[in-house]
Amino acid sequence: QVCEPYIRRRAMRHLEKGRVVIFGAGTGNPYFTTDSAASLRA
């Protein structure tokens, strides 16, 4: 209802089109910090 599911190719396409992409909900897995999410998504 409020956000798209994370799909790598979709995220990259949004970036190529000049959109700011915000990654929410960390990695989607417990025991991982948002620092880990930042490194993984990067």
PDB file of all heavy atoms in Angstrom:
ATOM      1  N   GLN A   1       0.806  -1.218   0.000  1.00  0.00           N
ATOM      2  CA  GLN A   1       0.000   0.000   0.000  1.00  0.00           C
ATOM      3  C   GLN A   1       0.840   1.269   0.000  1.00  0.00           C
ATOM      4  O   GLN A   1       0.375   2.322  -0.438  1.00  0.00           O
ATOM      5  CB  GLN A   1      -0.957   0.026   1.208  1.00  0.00           C
ATOM      6  CG  GLN A   1      -2.134  -0.917   1.098  1.00  0.00           C
ATOM      7  CD  GLN A   1      -1.787  -2.338   1.524  1.00  0.00           C
ATOM      8  OE1 GLN A   1      -0.618  -2.647   1.797  1.00  0.00           O
ATOM      9  NE2 GLN A   1      -2.782  -3.201   1.575  1.00  0.00           N
ATOM     10  N   VAL A   2       2.073   1.193   0.505  1.00  0.00           N
ATOM     11  CA  VAL A   2       2.874   2.418   0.648  1.00  0.00           C
ATOM     12  C   VAL A   2       4.213   2.385  -0.072  1.00  0.00           C
ATOM     13  O   VAL A   2       4.848   3.422  -0.232  1.00  0.00           O
ATOM     14  CB  VAL A   2       3.114   2.765   2.140  1.00  0.00           C
ATOM     15  CG1 VAL A   2       1.804   3.090   2.836  1.00  0.00           C
ATOM     16  CG2 VAL A   2       3.842   1.632   2.855  1.00  0.00           C
ATOM     17  N   CYS A   3       4.675   1.204  -0.511  1.00  0.00           N
ATOM     18  CA  CYS A   3       5.980   1.156  -1.173  1.00  0.00           C
ATOM     19  C   CYS A   3       6.093  -0.061  -2.090  1.00  0.00           C
ATOM     20  O   CYS A   3       5.367  -1.040  -1.944  1.00  0.00           O
ATOM     21  CB  CYS A   3       7.115   1.167  -0.156  1.00  0.00           C
ATOM     22  SG  CYS A   3       6.897   0.061   1.245  1.00  0.00           S
ATOM     23  N   GLU A   4       7.015   0.043  -3.025  1.00  0.00           N
ATOM     24  CA  GLU A   4       7.272  -1.059  -3.941  1.00  0.00           C
ATOM     25  C   GLU A   4       8.133  -2.118  -3.242  1.00  0.00           C
ATOM     26  O   GLU A   4       8.911  -1.793  -2.350  1.00  0.00           O
ATOM     27  CB  GLU A   4       8.044  -0.556  -5.168  1.00  0.00           C
ATOM     28  CG  GLU A   4       7.346   0.513  -5.972  1.00  0.00           C
ATOM     29  CD  GLU A   4       8.226   1.017  -7.105  1.00  0.00           C
ATOM     30  OE1 GLU A   4       9.163   0.297  -7.506  1.00  0.00           O
ATOM     31  OE2 GLU A   4       7.975   2.129  -7.593  1.00  0.00           O
ATOM     32  N   PRO A   5       8.021  -3.366  -3.673  1.00  0.00           N
ATOM     33  CA  PRO A   5       8.958  -4.367  -3.164  1.00  0.00           C
ATOM     34  C   PRO A   5      10.344  -4.104  -3.745  1.00  0.00           C
ATOM     35  O   PRO A   5      10.465  -3.551  -4.848  1.00  0.00           O
ATOM     36  CB  PRO A   5       8.384  -5.689  -3.686  1.00  0.00           C
ATOM     37  CG  PRO A   5       7.621  -5.300  -4.916  1.00  0.00           C
ATOM     38  CD  PRO A   5       7.056  -3.940  -4.627  1.00  0.00           C
ATOM     39  N   TYR A   6      11.377  -4.474  -2.996  1.00  0.00           N
ATOM     40  CA  TYR A   6      12.724  -4.268  -3.505  1.00  0.00           C
ATOM     41  C   TYR A   6      13.030  -5.258  -4.624  1.00  0.00           C
ATOM     42  O   TYR A   6      12.988  -6.470  -4.440  1.00  0.00           O
ATOM     43  CB  TYR A   6      13.777  -4.428  -2.405  1.00  0.00           C
ATOM     44  CG  TYR A   6      15.177  -4.451  -2.973  1.00  0.00           C
ATOM     45  CD1 TYR A   6      15.735  -3.297  -3.523  1.00  0.00           C
ATOM     46  CD2 TYR A   6      15.915  -5.633  -3.030  1.00  0.00           C
ATOM     47  CE1 TYR A   6      17.000  -3.317  -4.088  1.00  0.00           C
ATOM     48  CE2 TYR A   6      17.181  -5.656  -3.596  1.00  0.00           C
ATOM     49  CZ  TYR A   6      17.719  -4.498  -4.119  1.00  0.00           C
ATOM     50  OH  TYR A   6      18.960  -4.518  -4.687  1.00  0.00           O
ATOM     51  N   ILE A   7      13.329  -4.720  -5.806  1.00  0.00           N
ATOM     52  CA  ILE A   7      13.788  -5.499  -6.954  1.00  0.00           C
ATOM     53  C   ILE A   7      15.003  -4.755  -7.506  1.00  0.00           C
ATOM     54  O   ILE A   7      14.907  -3.579  -7.855  1.00  0.00           O
ATOM     55  CB  ILE A   7      12.700  -5.632  -8.038  1.00  0.00           C
ATOM     56  CG1 ILE A   7      11.476  -6.364  -7.472  1.00  0.00           C
ATOM     57  CG2 ILE A   7      13.248  -6.364  -9.268  1.00  0.00           C
ATOM     58  CD1 ILE A   7      10.282  -6.370  -8.397  1.00  0.00           C
ATOM     59  N   ARG A   8      16.131  -5.435  -7.554  1.00  0.00           N
ATOM     60  CA  ARG A   8      17.386  -4.779  -7.909  1.00  0.00           C
ATOM     61  C   ARG A   8      17.307  -4.034  -9.235  1.00  0.00           C
ATOM     62  O   ARG A   8      17.676  -2.860  -9.326  1.00  0.00           O
ATOM     63  CB  ARG A   8      18.516  -5.804  -7.949  1.00  0.00           C
ATOM     64  CG  ARG A   8      19.845  -5.254  -8.447  1.00  0.00           C
ATOM     65  CD  ARG A   8      20.915  -6.324  -8.466  1.00  0.00           C
ATOM     66  NE  ARG A   8      22.150  -5.824  -9.043  1.00  0.00           N
ATOM     67  CZ  ARG A   8      22.476  -5.934 -10.335  1.00  0.00           C
ATOM     68  NH1 ARG A   8      21.629  -6.534 -11.174  1.00  0.00           N
ATOM     69  NH2 ARG A   8      23.603  -5.446 -10.790  1.00  0.00           N
ATOM     70  N   ARG A   9      16.863  -4.676 -10.281  1.00  0.00           N
ATOM     71  CA  ARG A   9      16.827  -4.046 -11.597  1.00  0.00           C
ATOM     72  C   ARG A   9      15.897  -2.834 -11.616  1.00  0.00           C
ATOM     73  O   ARG A   9      16.173  -1.839 -12.291  1.00  0.00           O
ATOM     74  CB  ARG A   9      16.401  -5.054 -12.664  1.00  0.00           C
ATOM     75  CG  ARG A   9      17.470  -6.104 -12.954  1.00  0.00           C
ATOM     76  CD  ARG A   9      17.017  -7.071 -14.042  1.00  0.00           C
ATOM     77  NE  ARG A   9      18.023  -8.085 -14.319  1.00  0.00           N
ATOM     78  CZ  ARG A   9      19.004  -7.938 -15.197  1.00  0.00           C
ATOM     79  NH1 ARG A   9      19.119  -6.815 -15.883  1.00  0.00           N
ATOM     80  NH2 ARG A   9      19.876  -8.911 -15.389  1.00  0.00           N
ATOM     81  N   ARG A  10      14.812  -2.936 -10.886  1.00  0.00           N
ATOM     82  CA  ARG A  10      13.884  -1.804 -10.807  1.00  0.00           C
ATOM     83  C   ARG A  10      14.557  -0.628 -10.100  1.00  0.00           C
ATOM     84  O   ARG A  10      14.424   0.521 -10.522  1.00  0.00           O
ATOM     85  CB  ARG A  10      12.616  -2.220 -10.073  1.00  0.00           C
ATOM     86  CG  ARG A  10      11.557  -1.122  -9.979  1.00  0.00           C
ATOM     87  CD  ARG A  10      10.316  -1.608  -9.247  1.00  0.00           C
ATOM     88  NE  ARG A  10       9.584  -2.585 -10.043  1.00  0.00           N
ATOM     89  CZ  ARG A  10       8.489  -3.209  -9.613  1.00  0.00           C
ATOM     90  NH1 ARG A  10       8.054  -2.999  -8.375  1.00  0.00           N
ATOM     91  NH2 ARG A  10       7.868  -4.062 -10.383  1.00  0.00           N
ATOM     92  N   ALA A  11      15.266  -0.917  -9.022  1.00  0.00           N
ATOM     93  CA  ALA A  11      15.959   0.148  -8.288  1.00  0.00           C
ATOM     94  C   ALA A  11      16.963   0.862  -9.184  1.00  0.00           C
ATOM     95  O   ALA A  11      17.053   2.100  -9.197  1.00  0.00           O
ATOM     96  CB  ALA A  11      16.662  -0.441  -7.062  1.00  0.00           C
ATOM     97  N   MET A  12      17.727   0.090  -9.946  1.00  0.00           N
ATOM     98  CA  MET A  12      18.731   0.681 -10.819  1.00  0.00           C
ATOM     99  C   MET A  12      18.091   1.512 -11.926  1.00  0.00           C
ATOM    100  O   MET A  12      18.599   2.572 -12.307  1.00  0.00           O
ATOM    101  CB  MET A  12      19.632  -0.412 -11.391  1.00  0.00           C
ATOM    102  CG  MET A  12      20.456  -1.115 -10.320  1.00  0.00           C
ATOM    103  SD  MET A  12      21.505  -2.451 -10.938  1.00  0.00           S
ATOM    104  CE  MET A  12      22.810  -1.515 -11.738  1.00  0.00           C
ATOM    105  N   ARG A  13      16.957   1.054 -12.434  1.00  0.00           N
ATOM    106  CA  ARG A  13      16.250   1.814 -13.465  1.00  0.00           C
ATOM    107  C   ARG A  13      15.745   3.139 -12.914  1.00  0.00           C
ATOM    108  O   ARG A  13      15.816   4.176 -13.583  1.00  0.00           O
ATOM    109  CB  ARG A  13      15.096   0.981 -14.018  1.00  0.00           C
ATOM    110  CG  ARG A  13      14.351   1.623 -15.182  1.00  0.00           C
ATOM    111  CD  ARG A  13      15.263   1.823 -16.367  1.00  0.00           C
ATOM    112  NE  ARG A  13      14.524   2.362 -17.502  1.00  0.00           N
ATOM    113  CZ  ARG A  13      15.043   3.146 -18.429  1.00  0.00           C
ATOM    114  NH1 ARG A  13      16.323   3.485 -18.360  1.00  0.00           N
ATOM    115  NH2 ARG A  13      14.321   3.579 -19.434  1.00  0.00           N
ATOM    116  N   HIS A  14      15.215   3.120 -11.698  1.00  0.00           N
ATOM    117  CA  HIS A  14      14.763   4.372 -11.066  1.00  0.00           C
ATOM    118  C   HIS A  14      15.924   5.361 -10.948  1.00  0.00           C
ATOM    119  O   HIS A  14      15.767   6.560 -11.211  1.00  0.00           O
ATOM    120  CB  HIS A  14      14.196   4.092  -9.670  1.00  0.00           C
ATOM    121  CG  HIS A  14      12.863   3.395  -9.677  1.00  0.00           C
ATOM    122  ND1 HIS A  14      11.891   3.646 -10.604  1.00  0.00           N
ATOM    123  CD2 HIS A  14      12.347   2.453  -8.833  1.00  0.00           C
ATOM    124  CE1 HIS A  14      10.825   2.889 -10.343  1.00  0.00           C
ATOM    125  NE2 HIS A  14      11.083   2.161  -9.279  1.00  0.00           N
ATOM    126  N   LEU A  15      17.086   4.869 -10.545  1.00  0.00           N
ATOM    127  CA  LEU A  15      18.262   5.737 -10.404  1.00  0.00           C
ATOM    128  C   LEU A  15      18.658   6.331 -11.751  1.00  0.00           C
ATOM    129  O   LEU A  15      18.966   7.523 -11.849  1.00  0.00           O
ATOM    130  CB  LEU A  15      19.427   4.946  -9.812  1.00  0.00           C
ATOM    131  CG  LEU A  15      19.306   4.557  -8.331  1.00  0.00           C
ATOM    132  CD1 LEU A  15      20.372   3.538  -7.962  1.00  0.00           C
ATOM    133  CD2 LEU A  15      19.403   5.782  -7.438  1.00  0.00           C
ATOM    134  N   GLU A  16      18.643   5.507 -12.790  1.00  0.00           N
ATOM    135  CA  GLU A  16      19.007   5.987 -14.126  1.00  0.00           C
ATOM    136  C   GLU A  16      18.061   7.078 -14.616  1.00  0.00           C
ATOM    137  O   GLU A  16      18.454   7.951 -15.402  1.00  0.00           O
ATOM    138  CB  GLU A  16      19.012   4.809 -15.106  1.00  0.00           C
ATOM    139  CG  GLU A  16      20.165   3.835 -14.867  1.00  0.00           C
ATOM    140  CD  GLU A  16      19.958   2.500 -15.562  1.00  0.00           C
ATOM    141  OE1 GLU A  16      18.904   2.327 -16.227  1.00  0.00           O
ATOM    142  OE2 GLU A  16      20.839   1.628 -15.447  1.00  0.00           O
ATOM    143  N   LYS A  17      16.815   7.042 -14.135  1.00  0.00           N
ATOM    144  CA  LYS A  17      15.819   8.046 -14.530  1.00  0.00           C
ATOM    145  C   LYS A  17      15.864   9.289 -13.647  1.00  0.00           C
ATOM    146  O   LYS A  17      15.046  10.193 -13.791  1.00  0.00           O
ATOM    147  CB  LYS A  17      14.418   7.437 -14.488  1.00  0.00           C
ATOM    148  CG  LYS A  17      14.162   6.431 -15.602  1.00  0.00           C
ATOM    149  CD  LYS A  17      12.708   5.986 -15.612  1.00  0.00           C
ATOM    150  CE  LYS A  17      12.410   5.100 -16.823  1.00  0.00           C
ATOM    151  NZ  LYS A  17      10.985   4.703 -16.874  1.00  0.00           N
ATOM    152  N   GLY A  18      16.822   9.337 -12.718  1.00  0.00           N
ATOM    153  CA  GLY A  18      16.988  10.522 -11.886  1.00  0.00           C
ATOM    154  C   GLY A  18      16.129  10.574 -10.645  1.00  0.00           C
ATOM    155  O   GLY A  18      16.027  11.623  -9.999  1.00  0.00           O
ATOM    156  N   ARG A  19      15.533   9.447 -10.292  1.00  0.00           N
ATOM    157  CA  ARG A  19      14.702   9.408  -9.084  1.00  0.00           C
ATOM    158  C   ARG A  19      15.556   9.085  -7.862  1.00  0.00           C
ATOM    159  O   ARG A  19      16.500   8.310  -7.950  1.00  0.00           O
ATOM    160  CB  ARG A  19      13.612   8.346  -9.232  1.00  0.00           C
ATOM    161  CG  ARG A  19      12.660   8.615 -10.381  1.00  0.00           C
ATOM    162  CD  ARG A  19      11.875   7.375 -10.759  1.00  0.00           C
ATOM    163  NE  ARG A  19      11.000   7.643 -11.897  1.00  0.00           N
ATOM    164  CZ  ARG A  19      10.504   6.698 -12.688  1.00  0.00           C
ATOM    165  NH1 ARG A  19      10.806   5.423 -12.471  1.00  0.00           N
ATOM    166  NH2 ARG A  19       9.718   7.011 -13.707  1.00  0.00           N
ATOM    167  N   VAL A  20      15.210   9.682  -6.736  1.00  0.00           N
ATOM    168  CA  VAL A  20      15.859   9.311  -5.478  1.00  0.00           C
ATOM    169  C   VAL A  20      15.231   8.009  -5.008  1.00  0.00           C
ATOM    170  O   VAL A  20      14.013   7.919  -4.850  1.00  0.00           O
ATOM    171  CB  VAL A  20      15.681  10.395  -4.402  1.00  0.00           C
ATOM    172  CG1 VAL A  20      16.356   9.968  -3.098  1.00  0.00           C
ATOM    173  CG2 VAL A  20      16.233  11.724  -4.871  1.00  0.00           C
ATOM    174  N   VAL A  21      16.053   7.004  -4.791  1.00  0.00           N
ATOM    175  CA  VAL A  21      15.557   5.702  -4.351  1.00  0.00           C
ATOM    176  C   VAL A  21      15.825   5.553  -2.860  1.00  0.00           C
ATOM    177  O   VAL A  21      16.963   5.683  -2.407  1.00  0.00           O
ATOM    178  CB  VAL A  21      16.238   4.559  -5.134  1.00  0.00           C
ATOM    179  CG1 VAL A  21      15.805   3.209  -4.574  1.00  0.00           C
ATOM    180  CG2 VAL A  21      15.890   4.657  -6.616  1.00  0.00           C
ATOM    181  N   ILE A  22      14.767   5.295  -2.105  1.00  0.00           N
ATOM    182  CA  ILE A  22      14.885   5.091  -0.661  1.00  0.00           C
ATOM    183  C   ILE A  22      14.632   3.615  -0.375  1.00  0.00           C
ATOM    184  O   ILE A  22      13.614   3.064  -0.780  1.00  0.00           O
ATOM    185  CB  ILE A  22      13.877   5.955   0.113  1.00  0.00           C
ATOM    186  CG1 ILE A  22      14.000   7.424  -0.302  1.00  0.00           C
ATOM    187  CG2 ILE A  22      14.074   5.811   1.615  1.00  0.00           C
ATOM    188  CD1 ILE A  22      12.852   8.294   0.188  1.00  0.00           C
ATOM    189  N   PHE A  23      15.574   2.992   0.308  1.00  0.00           N
ATOM    190  CA  PHE A  23      15.437   1.582   0.667  1.00  0.00           C
ATOM    191  C   PHE A  23      14.954   1.483   2.110  1.00  0.00           C
ATOM    192  O   PHE A  23      15.668   1.858   3.044  1.00  0.00           O
ATOM    193  CB  PHE A  23      16.774   0.848   0.521  1.00  0.00           C
ATOM    194  CG  PHE A  23      17.290   0.801  -0.890  1.00  0.00           C
ATOM    195  CD1 PHE A  23      18.492   1.400  -1.220  1.00  0.00           C
ATOM    196  CD2 PHE A  23      16.574   0.151  -1.883  1.00  0.00           C
ATOM    197  CE1 PHE A  23      18.981   1.345  -2.517  1.00  0.00           C
ATOM    198  CE2 PHE A  23      17.051   0.098  -3.189  1.00  0.00           C
ATOM    199  CZ  PHE A  23      18.256   0.694  -3.510  1.00  0.00           C
ATOM    200  N   GLY A  24      13.735   0.984   2.292  1.00  0.00           N
ATOM    201  CA  GLY A  24      13.168   0.845   3.627  1.00  0.00           C
ATOM    202  C   GLY A  24      13.224  -0.594   4.115  1.00  0.00           C
ATOM    203  O   GLY A  24      13.474  -1.529   3.343  1.00  0.00           O
ATOM    204  N   ALA A  25      13.020  -0.788   5.398  1.00  0.00           N
ATOM    205  CA  ALA A  25      12.919  -2.113   6.038  1.00  0.00           C
ATOM    206  C   ALA A  25      14.226  -2.891   6.029  1.00  0.00           C
ATOM    207  O   ALA A  25      14.236  -4.120   6.064  1.00  0.00           O
ATOM    208  CB  ALA A  25      11.799  -2.947   5.408  1.00  0.00           C
ATOM    209  N   GLY A  26      15.347  -2.185   5.980  1.00  0.00           N
ATOM    210  CA  GLY A  26      16.644  -2.848   6.069  1.00  0.00           C
ATOM    211  C   GLY A  26      16.839  -3.880   4.979  1.00  0.00           C
ATOM    212  O   GLY A  26      16.462  -3.672   3.826  1.00  0.00           O
ATOM    213  N   THR A  27      17.403  -5.036   5.359  1.00  0.00           N
ATOM    214  CA  THR A  27      17.578  -6.123   4.393  1.00  0.00           C
ATOM    215  C   THR A  27      16.320  -6.970   4.278  1.00  0.00           C
ATOM    216  O   THR A  27      16.232  -7.845   3.415  1.00  0.00           O
ATOM    217  CB  THR A  27      18.737  -7.053   4.804  1.00  0.00           C
ATOM    218  OG1 THR A  27      18.380  -7.730   6.015  1.00  0.00           O
ATOM    219  CG2 THR A  27      20.033  -6.281   5.002  1.00  0.00           C
ATOM    220  N   GLY A  28      15.355  -6.729   5.166  1.00  0.00           N
ATOM    221  CA  GLY A  28      14.158  -7.560   5.210  1.00  0.00           C
ATOM    222  C   GLY A  28      14.328  -8.787   6.086  1.00  0.00           C
ATOM    223  O   GLY A  28      13.428  -9.629   6.176  1.00  0.00           O
ATOM    224  N   ASN A  29      15.486  -8.882   6.745  1.00  0.00           N
ATOM    225  CA  ASN A  29      15.787 -10.046   7.584  1.00  0.00           C
ATOM    226  C   ASN A  29      16.200  -9.606   8.984  1.00  0.00           C
ATOM    227  O   ASN A  29      16.903  -8.599   9.129  1.00  0.00           O
ATOM    228  CB  ASN A  29      16.944 -10.857   6.983  1.00  0.00           C
ATOM    229  CG  ASN A  29      16.625 -11.350   5.586  1.00  0.00           C
ATOM    230  OD1 ASN A  29      15.819 -12.249   5.413  1.00  0.00           O
ATOM    231  ND2 ASN A  29      17.254 -10.754   4.587  1.00  0.00           N
ATOM    232  N   PRO A  30      15.787 -10.374  10.011  1.00  0.00           N
ATOM    233  CA  PRO A  30      16.228 -10.045  11.370  1.00  0.00           C
ATOM    234  C   PRO A  30      17.723 -10.263  11.527  1.00  0.00           C
ATOM    235  O   PRO A  30      18.360 -10.942  10.717  1.00  0.00           O
ATOM    236  CB  PRO A  30      15.421 -11.010  12.251  1.00  0.00           C
ATOM    237  CG  PRO A  30      15.074 -12.152  11.350  1.00  0.00           C
ATOM    238  CD  PRO A  30      14.906 -11.553   9.980  1.00  0.00           C
ATOM    239  N   TYR A  31      18.298  -9.677  12.587  1.00  0.00           N
ATOM    240  CA  TYR A  31      19.712  -9.800  12.946  1.00  0.00           C
ATOM    241  C   TYR A  31      20.651  -9.023  12.031  1.00  0.00           C
ATOM    242  O   TYR A  31      21.869  -9.131  12.165  1.00  0.00           O
ATOM    243  CB  TYR A  31      20.157 -11.274  13.018  1.00  0.00           C
ATOM    244  CG  TYR A  31      19.465 -12.049  14.107  1.00  0.00           C
ATOM    245  CD1 TYR A  31      18.396 -12.886  13.816  1.00  0.00           C
ATOM    246  CD2 TYR A  31      19.857 -11.912  15.440  1.00  0.00           C
ATOM    247  CE1 TYR A  31      17.734 -13.581  14.815  1.00  0.00           C
ATOM    248  CE2 TYR A  31      19.209 -12.603  16.451  1.00  0.00           C
ATOM    249  CZ  TYR A  31      18.149 -13.437  16.145  1.00  0.00           C
ATOM    250  OH  TYR A  31      17.495 -14.119  17.142  1.00  0.00           O
ATOM    251  N   PHE A  32      20.117  -8.238  11.098  1.00  0.00           N
ATOM    252  CA  PHE A  32      20.956  -7.396  10.254  1.00  0.00           C
ATOM    253  C   PHE A  32      20.597  -5.928  10.490  1.00  0.00           C
ATOM    254  O   PHE A  32      19.420  -5.573  10.513  1.00  0.00           O
ATOM    255  CB  PHE A  32      20.771  -7.744   8.770  1.00  0.00           C
ATOM    256  CG  PHE A  32      21.353  -9.063   8.381  1.00  0.00           C
ATOM    257  CD1 PHE A  32      20.575 -10.219   8.430  1.00  0.00           C
ATOM    258  CD2 PHE A  32      22.681  -9.168   7.992  1.00  0.00           C
ATOM    259  CE1 PHE A  32      21.112 -11.449   8.081  1.00  0.00           C
ATOM    260  CE2 PHE A  32      23.224 -10.391   7.638  1.00  0.00           C
ATOM    261  CZ  PHE A  32      22.436 -11.528   7.683  1.00  0.00           C
ATOM    262  N   THR A  33      21.600  -5.087  10.662  1.00  0.00           N
ATOM    263  CA  THR A  33      21.379  -3.669  10.923  1.00  0.00           C
ATOM    264  C   THR A  33      21.127  -2.908   9.628  1.00  0.00           C
ATOM    265  O   THR A  33      21.321  -3.429   8.524  1.00  0.00           O
ATOM    266  CB  THR A  33      22.616  -3.062  11.607  1.00  0.00           C
ATOM    267  OG1 THR A  33      23.706  -3.089  10.661  1.00  0.00           O
ATOM    268  CG2 THR A  33      23.003  -3.832  12.862  1.00  0.00           C
ATOM    269  N   THR A  34      20.754  -1.639   9.773  1.00  0.00           N
ATOM    270  CA  THR A  34      20.596  -0.806   8.578  1.00  0.00           C
ATOM    271  C   THR A  34      21.956  -0.442   7.983  1.00  0.00           C
ATOM    272  O   THR A  34      22.035  -0.105   6.805  1.00  0.00           O
ATOM    273  CB  THR A  34      19.783   0.465   8.888  1.00  0.00           C
ATOM    274  OG1 THR A  34      20.307   1.110  10.057  1.00  0.00           O
ATOM    275  CG2 THR A  34      18.320   0.139   9.091  1.00  0.00           C
ATOM    276  N   ASP A  35      23.020  -0.504   8.763  1.00  0.00           N
ATOM    277  CA  ASP A  35      24.369  -0.369   8.189  1.00  0.00           C
ATOM    278  C   ASP A  35      24.614  -1.503   7.191  1.00  0.00           C
ATOM    279  O   ASP A  35      25.128  -1.286   6.088  1.00  0.00           O
ATOM    280  CB  ASP A  35      25.439  -0.423   9.283  1.00  0.00           C
ATOM    281  CG  ASP A  35      25.701   0.930   9.921  1.00  0.00           C
ATOM    282  OD1 ASP A  35      25.112   1.928   9.465  1.00  0.00           O
ATOM    283  OD2 ASP A  35      26.487   0.982  10.882  1.00  0.00           O
ATOM    284  N   SER A  36      24.260  -2.715   7.589  1.00  0.00           N
ATOM    285  CA  SER A  36      24.416  -3.859   6.689  1.00  0.00           C
ATOM    286  C   SER A  36      23.539  -3.705   5.457  1.00  0.00           C
ATOM    287  O   SER A  36      23.959  -4.034   4.341  1.00  0.00           O
ATOM    288  CB  SER A  36      24.071  -5.164   7.412  1.00  0.00           C
ATOM    289  OG  SER A  36      25.008  -5.438   8.435  1.00  0.00           O
ATOM    290  N   ALA A  37      22.337  -3.194   5.652  1.00  0.00           N
ATOM    291  CA  ALA A  37      21.439  -2.954   4.519  1.00  0.00           C
ATOM    292  C   ALA A  37      22.056  -1.942   3.559  1.00  0.00           C
ATOM    293  O   ALA A  37      21.990  -2.106   2.332  1.00  0.00           O
ATOM    294  CB  ALA A  37      20.085  -2.454   5.012  1.00  0.00           C
ATOM    295  N   ALA A  38      22.674  -0.902   4.105  1.00  0.00           N
ATOM    296  CA  ALA A  38      23.292   0.131   3.266  1.00  0.00           C
ATOM    297  C   ALA A  38      24.427  -0.460   2.436  1.00  0.00           C
ATOM    298  O   ALA A  38      24.526  -0.212   1.228  1.00  0.00           O
ATOM    299  CB  ALA A  38      23.809   1.276   4.138  1.00  0.00           C
ATOM    300  N   SER A  39      25.282  -1.250   3.064  1.00  0.00           N
ATOM    301  CA  SER A  39      26.397  -1.872   2.347  1.00  0.00           C
ATOM    302  C   SER A  39      25.898  -2.829   1.272  1.00  0.00           C
ATOM    303  O   SER A  39      26.366  -2.821   0.124  1.00  0.00           O
ATOM    304  CB  SER A  39      27.307  -2.622   3.319  1.00  0.00           C
ATOM    305  OG  SER A  39      27.886  -1.741   4.248  1.00  0.00           O
ATOM    306  N   LEU A  40      24.921  -3.669   1.630  1.00  0.00           N
ATOM    307  CA  LEU A  40      24.387  -4.650   0.695  1.00  0.00           C
ATOM    308  C   LEU A  40      23.732  -3.976  -0.510  1.00  0.00           C
ATOM    309  O   LEU A  40      24.019  -4.320  -1.665  1.00  0.00           O
ATOM    310  CB  LEU A  40      23.378  -5.551   1.412  1.00  0.00           C
ATOM    311  CG  LEU A  40      22.677  -6.601   0.553  1.00  0.00           C
ATOM    312  CD1 LEU A  40      23.677  -7.584  -0.028  1.00  0.00           C
ATOM    313  CD2 LEU A  40      21.597  -7.322   1.371  1.00  0.00           C
ATOM    314  N   ARG A  41      22.865  -2.997  -0.249  1.00  0.00           N
ATOM    315  CA  ARG A  41      22.173  -2.316  -1.349  1.00  0.00           C
ATOM    316  C   ARG A  41      23.168  -1.543  -2.219  1.00  0.00           C
ATOM    317  O   ARG A  41      23.025  -1.497  -3.444  1.00  0.00           O
ATOM    318  CB  ARG A  41      21.094  -1.387  -0.805  1.00  0.00           C
ATOM    319  CG  ARG A  41      19.967  -2.066  -0.051  1.00  0.00           C
ATOM    320  CD  ARG A  41      19.122  -2.936  -0.952  1.00  0.00           C
ATOM    321  NE  ARG A  41      17.997  -3.505  -0.222  1.00  0.00           N
ATOM    322  CZ  ARG A  41      17.779  -4.803  -0.046  1.00  0.00           C
ATOM    323  NH1 ARG A  41      18.630  -5.688  -0.559  1.00  0.00           N
ATOM    324  NH2 ARG A  41      16.724  -5.243   0.615  1.00  0.00           N
ATOM    325  N   ALA A  42      24.165  -0.946  -1.609  1.00  0.00           N
ATOM    326  CA  ALA A  42      25.167  -0.201  -2.383  1.00  0.00           C
ATOM    327  C   ALA A  42      25.900  -1.123  -3.346  1.00  0.00           C
ATOM    328  O   ALA A  42      26.143  -0.774  -4.504  1.00  0.00           O
ATOM    329  CB  ALA A  42      26.157   0.480  -1.446  1.00  0.00           C
TER     330      ALA A  42
END
